[in-house]
C-alpha atoms as a PDB file:
ATOM      1  CA  MET A   1     -34.506  -3.995 -55.143  1.00  0.00           C
ATOM      2  CA  THR A   2     -35.466  -3.085 -51.584  1.00  0.00           C
ATOM      3  CA  GLU A   3     -36.030  -5.500 -48.725  1.00  0.00           C
ATOM      4  CA  LEU A   4     -38.462  -4.687 -45.921  1.00  0.00           C
ATOM      5  CA  THR A   5     -38.551  -6.860 -42.824  1.00  0.00           C
ATOM      6  CA  PHE A   6     -41.479  -6.943 -40.410  1.00  0.00           C
ATOM      7  CA  GLN A   7     -41.571  -8.866 -37.137  1.00  0.00           C
ATOM      8  CA  ASP A   8     -44.601  -9.581 -35.013  1.00  0.00           C
ATOM      9  CA  GLY A   9     -45.101 -12.249 -32.391  1.00  0.00           C
ATOM     10  CA  GLY A  10     -42.216 -14.429 -33.505  1.00  0.00           C
ATOM     11  CA  ILE A  11     -43.136 -14.244 -37.190  1.00  0.00           C
ATOM     12  CA  THR A  12     -40.766 -12.527 -39.612  1.00  0.00           C
ATOM     13  CA  VAL A  13     -41.950 -11.389 -43.037  1.00  0.00           C
ATOM     14  CA  HIS A  14     -39.515 -10.312 -45.762  1.00  0.00           C
ATOM     15  CA  VAL A  15     -40.852  -8.217 -48.650  1.00  0.00           C
ATOM     16  CA  TYR A  16     -38.744  -7.586 -51.756  1.00  0.00           C
ATOM     17  CA  THR A  17     -39.853  -4.891 -54.189  1.00  0.00           C
ATOM     18  CA  ASP A  18     -38.732  -2.308 -56.729  1.00  0.00           C
ATOM     19  CA  ASP A  19     -41.849  -0.197 -56.095  1.00  0.00           C
ATOM     20  CA  VAL A  20     -40.668   2.829 -54.077  1.00  0.00           C
ATOM     21  CA  GLU A  21     -44.224   3.941 -53.214  1.00  0.00           C
ATOM     22  CA  ALA A  22     -44.991   0.491 -51.825  1.00  0.00           C
ATOM     23  CA  VAL A  23     -41.880   0.665 -49.653  1.00  0.00           C
ATOM     24  CA  PHE A  24     -42.998   3.977 -48.130  1.00  0.00           C
ATOM     25  CA  ALA A  25     -46.580   2.755 -47.649  1.00  0.00           C
ATOM     26  CA  LEU A  26     -45.488  -0.439 -45.909  1.00  0.00           C
ATOM     27  CA  ASP A  27     -42.988   1.419 -43.733  1.00  0.00           C
ATOM     28  CA  GLU A  28     -45.580   4.030 -42.739  1.00  0.00           C
ATOM     29  CA  ALA A  29     -48.129   1.318 -41.845  1.00  0.00           C
ATOM     30  CA  GLN A  30     -45.859   0.200 -38.991  1.00  0.00           C
ATOM     31  CA  ARG A  31     -46.681   3.302 -36.933  1.00  0.00           C
ATOM     32  CA  ARG A  32     -49.304   5.970 -36.363  1.00  0.00           C
ATOM     33  CA  GLY A  33     -48.519   9.518 -37.436  1.00  0.00           C
ATOM     34  CA  ILE A  34     -45.025  10.985 -37.241  1.00  0.00           C
ATOM     35  CA  ALA A  35     -42.106   8.695 -36.388  1.00  0.00           C
ATOM     36  CA  LEU A  36     -40.355   9.959 -33.236  1.00  0.00           C
ATOM     37  CA  GLY A  37     -37.490   7.464 -33.287  1.00  0.00           C
ATOM     38  CA  GLY A  38     -37.299   3.845 -32.203  1.00  0.00           C
ATOM     39  CA  PRO A  39     -40.746   2.350 -31.621  1.00  0.00           C
ATOM     40  CA  TYR A  40     -42.373   5.736 -30.884  1.00  0.00           C
ATOM     41  CA  SER A  41     -44.747   7.791 -33.032  1.00  0.00           C
ATOM     42  CA  ALA A  42     -47.234  10.610 -32.479  1.00  0.00           C
ATOM     43  CA  LEU A  43     -50.402  12.163 -33.877  1.00  0.00           C
ATOM     44  CA  TYR A  44     -51.380  15.807 -33.424  1.00  0.00           C
ATOM     45  CA  HIS A  45     -55.102  16.466 -32.875  1.00  0.00           C
ATOM     46  CA  LYS A  46     -56.997  19.742 -32.843  1.00  0.00           C
ATOM     47  CA  ALA A  47     -59.353  20.304 -29.898  1.00  0.00           C
ATOM     48  CA  HIS A  48     -62.442  18.090 -30.204  1.00  0.00           C
ATOM     49  CA  THR A  49     -64.691  20.397 -28.168  1.00  0.00           C
ATOM     50  CA  ALA A  50     -64.926  24.027 -27.091  1.00  0.00           C
ATOM     51  CA  PRO A  51     -63.463  24.701 -24.623  1.00  0.00           C
ATOM     52  CA  GLY A  52     -60.698  22.208 -25.326  1.00  0.00           C
ATOM     53  CA  GLU A  53     -57.042  22.037 -26.244  1.00  0.00           C
ATOM     54  CA  ASP A  54     -55.014  20.783 -29.145  1.00  0.00           C
ATOM     55  CA  HIS A  55     -53.082  17.706 -28.051  1.00  0.00           C
ATOM     56  CA  ILE A  56     -50.779  14.893 -29.122  1.00  0.00           C
ATOM     57  CA  HIS A  57     -51.222  11.141 -28.778  1.00  0.00           C
ATOM     58  CA  VAL A  58     -47.949   9.230 -28.410  1.00  0.00           C
ATOM     59  CA  TYR A  59     -47.668   5.560 -29.354  1.00  0.00           C
ATOM     60  CA  MET A  60     -45.155   2.784 -28.842  1.00  0.00           C
ATOM     61  CA  LYS A  61     -45.549   0.163 -31.580  1.00  0.00           C
ATOM     62  CA  ASN A  62     -49.108   1.404 -32.258  1.00  0.00           C
ATOM     63  CA  ASN A  63     -50.132   1.122 -28.577  1.00  0.00           C
ATOM     64  CA  GLU A  64     -50.981   4.464 -27.009  1.00  0.00           C
ATOM     65  CA  LEU A  65     -48.607   5.460 -24.205  1.00  0.00           C
ATOM     66  CA  PHE A  66     -50.211   8.776 -23.351  1.00  0.00           C
ATOM     67  CA  ALA A  67     -51.973  11.874 -24.630  1.00  0.00           C
ATOM     68  CA  LEU A  68     -50.755  15.360 -23.724  1.00  0.00           C
ATOM     69  CA  ASN A  69     -52.438  18.750 -24.137  1.00  0.00           C
ATOM     70  CA  ILE A  70     -50.288  21.521 -25.640  1.00  0.00           C
ATOM     71  CA  SER A  71     -50.314  23.180 -22.210  1.00  0.00           C
ATOM     72  CA  GLY A  72     -48.490  20.144 -20.786  1.00  0.00           C
ATOM     73  CA  THR A  73     -51.485  18.792 -18.882  1.00  0.00           C
ATOM     74  CA  ALA A  74     -52.886  15.279 -19.128  1.00  0.00           C
ATOM     75  CA  HIS A  75     -55.318  14.430 -21.905  1.00  0.00           C
ATOM     76  CA  ASP A  76     -57.538  11.320 -21.922  1.00  0.00           C
ATOM     77  CA  ARG A  77     -56.592  10.255 -18.374  1.00  0.00           C
ATOM     78  CA  SER A  78     -52.835  10.191 -18.960  1.00  0.00           C
ATOM     79  CA  HIS A  79     -52.106  11.354 -15.398  1.00  0.00           C
ATOM     80  CA  GLY A  80     -48.826  10.283 -13.809  1.00  0.00           C
ATOM     81  CA  VAL A  81     -47.170   8.976 -16.990  1.00  0.00           C
ATOM     82  CA  ARG A  82     -43.406   9.426 -17.327  1.00  0.00           C
ATOM     83  CA  ILE A  83     -42.429  10.565 -20.822  1.00  0.00           C
ATOM     84  CA  PRO A  84     -39.386   8.656 -22.197  1.00  0.00           C
ATOM     85  CA  ASN A  85     -36.320  10.851 -22.897  1.00  0.00           C
ATOM     86  CA  ARG A  86     -36.265   9.919 -26.594  1.00  0.00           C
ATOM     87  CA  VAL A  87     -39.899  11.057 -26.887  1.00  0.00           C
ATOM     88  CA  VAL A  88     -39.147  14.328 -25.047  1.00  0.00           C
ATOM     89  CA  LYS A  89     -36.459  15.244 -27.581  1.00  0.00           C
ATOM     90  CA  ALA A  90     -38.682  14.348 -30.539  1.00  0.00           C
ATOM     91  CA  VAL A  91     -41.673  16.286 -29.165  1.00  0.00           C
ATOM     92  CA  GLN A  92     -39.449  19.353 -28.770  1.00  0.00           C
ATOM     93  CA  LYS A  93     -38.354  18.950 -32.403  1.00  0.00           C
ATOM     94  CA  TYR A  94     -41.653  18.091 -34.134  1.00  0.00           C
ATOM     95  CA  PHE A  95     -44.187  19.774 -31.823  1.00  0.00           C
ATOM     96  CA  PRO A  96     -42.515  22.950 -30.485  1.00  0.00           C
ATOM     97  CA  LYS A  97     -45.860  24.412 -29.343  1.00  0.00           C
ATOM     98  CA  VAL A  98     -46.313  21.585 -26.811  1.00  0.00           C
ATOM     99  CA  THR A  99     -45.204  22.484 -23.298  1.00  0.00           C
ATOM    100  CA  LEU A 100     -43.545  19.497 -21.664  1.00  0.00           C
ATOM    101  CA  PRO A 101     -44.309  18.912 -17.984  1.00  0.00           C
ATOM    102  CA  ARG A 102     -41.695  19.442 -15.289  1.00  0.00           C
ATOM    103  CA  ASP A 103     -39.516  16.345 -14.788  1.00  0.00           C
ATOM    104  CA  ASN A 104     -41.227  14.835 -17.864  1.00  0.00           C
ATOM    105  CA  ILE A 105     -43.984  13.403 -15.679  1.00  0.00           C
ATOM    106  CA  ILE A 106     -47.544  14.260 -16.678  1.00  0.00           C
ATOM    107  CA  GLU A 107     -49.315  15.840 -13.737  1.00  0.00           C
ATOM    108  CA  SER A 108     -51.368  13.612 -11.491  1.00  0.00           C
ATOM    109  CA  MET A 109     -54.828  14.529 -10.408  1.00  0.00           C
ATOM    110  CA  SER A 110     -54.930  15.426  -6.753  1.00  0.00           C
ATOM    111  CA  LEU A 111     -58.194  15.175  -4.897  1.00  0.00           C
ATOM    112  CA  ILE A 112     -56.745  17.234  -2.055  1.00  0.00           C
ATOM    113  CA  ASP A 113     -56.705  20.265  -4.363  1.00  0.00           C
ATOM    114  CA  GLU A 114     -60.407  19.748  -5.071  1.00  0.00           C
ATOM    115  CA  ILE A 115     -61.615  19.338  -1.487  1.00  0.00           C
ATOM    116  CA  THR A 116     -63.113  22.140   0.552  1.00  0.00           C
ATOM    117  CA  TRP A 117     -62.702  21.321   4.202  1.00  0.00           C
ATOM    118  CA  LEU A 118     -65.599  22.240   6.450  1.00  0.00           C
ATOM    119  CA  THR A 119     -64.795  22.404  10.122  1.00  0.00           C
ATOM    120  CA  GLU A 120     -66.851  23.419  13.100  1.00  0.00           C
ATOM    121  CA  GLU A 121     -66.376  23.463  16.809  1.00  0.00           C
ATOM    122  CA  ALA A 122     -68.353  21.040  18.936  1.00  0.00           C
ATOM    123  CA  LYS A 123     -70.639  22.745  21.457  1.00  0.00           C
ATOM    124  CA  SER A 124     -70.404  21.461  25.005  1.00  0.00           C
END
């Protein structure tokens, strides 16, 4: 007999079963996609549009932390997010095509890079 324990908001549920398939189904329902260790999991998505990039969505207890394109750039407004070390190691293992950003911080959008400065001299 196998015991599964689930906790949520101060409530603890114990499930006892001999059904191996049920054990796997209940365990898998606690996360989205591939388990990365601890409370983290990830889903790999193909590009939704053309042009677009394949990307991963990373979750902590089913709440999305960030989304990252395989090029290492932000996806779905995940600019400036710091990727936890445990997630970095798991992404390298399970998603080797994904380029991780320098310092494990997803690039931030900079408006300065997008501005064209127009200057002119004042005539006297």
